[in-house]
Protein backbone atom coordinates (compact mmCIF):
# COMPACT_ATOMS: atom_id res chain seq x y z
CA MET A 1 -0.29 -0.21 -0.31
CA THR A 2 0.85 3.56 -1.09
CA GLY A 3 -1.33 5.96 0.53
CA ARG A 4 -4.24 6.23 3.09
CA VAL A 5 -7.13 4.76 0.43
CA THR A 6 -5.59 2.23 -2.19
CA GLY A 7 -6.20 -1.02 -3.94
CA VAL A 8 -4.36 -3.25 -2.76
CA GLU A 9 -2.34 -5.78 -4.84
CA VAL A 10 -5.04 -8.69 -4.69
CA ILE A 11 -7.36 -7.93 -7.84
CA ASP A 12 -10.88 -6.30 -6.06
CA VAL A 13 -9.45 -6.23 -2.99
CA TRP A 14 -9.96 -2.47 -1.47
CA VAL A 15 -8.71 -0.92 2.20
CA ALA A 16 -9.54 2.23 3.93
CA GLY A 17 -8.60 3.59 7.36
CA ASN A 18 -5.57 3.53 9.48
CA VAL A 19 -5.79 0.54 11.27
CA ARG A 20 -2.43 1.03 13.64
CA GLY A 21 -3.05 4.48 14.29
CA HIS A 22 -5.40 4.02 17.55
CA ARG A 23 -5.98 8.16 18.03
CA ALA A 24 -7.92 8.44 14.72
CA GLN A 25 -11.18 10.27 14.89
CA ALA A 26 -14.51 8.66 13.46
CA ILE A 27 -14.73 11.70 10.88
CA ASP A 28 -11.47 10.65 9.04
CA ALA A 29 -12.90 6.75 8.88
CA ALA A 30 -16.16 8.60 7.19
CA ALA A 31 -14.09 10.66 4.45
CA GLN A 32 -11.89 8.17 4.11
CA GLY A 33 -14.66 5.12 3.70
CA GLY A 34 -16.03 7.68 0.79
CA GLN A 35 -13.30 8.33 -1.02
CA THR A 36 -12.53 5.03 -1.04
CA GLY A 37 -16.37 4.26 -2.22
CA ALA A 38 -15.59 6.86 -4.98
CA MET A 39 -12.21 4.61 -6.00
CA ILE A 40 -13.93 1.98 -6.60
CA ASN A 41 -16.85 2.79 -8.36
CA ILE A 42 -14.80 4.26 -10.72
CA ASP A 43 -12.44 1.31 -11.15
CA LEU A 44 -15.82 -0.32 -11.97
CA VAL A 45 -16.47 2.28 -14.37
CA TYR A 46 -13.42 1.21 -16.38
CA GLU A 47 -13.32 -2.06 -16.20
CA ASP A 48 -16.89 -1.91 -17.86
CA VAL A 49 -15.40 0.58 -20.21
CA ARG A 50 -12.46 -1.81 -20.92
CA GLU A 51 -14.95 -5.06 -21.40
CA ALA A 52 -16.97 -2.92 -24.03
CA VAL A 53 -14.50 -1.66 -26.13
CA ALA A 54 -13.17 -5.44 -26.16
CA LEU A 55 -16.96 -6.17 -27.80
CA HIS A 56 -17.22 -2.91 -30.01
CA PRO A 57 -13.91 -2.00 -30.95
CA PHE A 58 -13.37 1.42 -32.27
CA THR A 59 -13.24 1.83 -35.84
CA PRO A 60 -12.75 4.47 -38.60
CA GLU A 61 -16.34 2.95 -40.04
CA LEU A 62 -18.01 2.97 -37.01
CA GLU A 63 -17.02 7.13 -36.44
CA ARG A 64 -18.42 7.92 -39.70
CA GLU A 65 -21.88 5.85 -38.89
CA VAL A 66 -21.81 7.32 -35.16
CA ALA A 67 -21.38 10.91 -36.63
CA GLU A 68 -23.45 10.47 -39.73
CA ARG A 69 -26.23 9.62 -36.91
CA VAL A 70 -25.23 12.48 -34.22
CA LEU A 71 -24.78 14.96 -37.30
CA GLY A 72 -27.78 13.79 -39.56
CA LEU A 73 -25.84 13.71 -42.44
CA PRO A 74 -27.16 11.46 -45.49
CA LYS A 75 -25.27 8.57 -46.56
């Protein structure tokens, strides 16, 4: 671990807080928990994006099709 809130070297395992600092206050733990939740969320979003891109790789043809739809260009 390299920070107060971080992923660890085990896939899909996250940690939060300071297990050694017995003087840590509850508000610090709550803040770290919120930050960890946000980090887990973005990690899951990135995973979803990687899977979607793997299923539907970007191509010039796809870009042209999307541009035609969005801009209302004739085919």
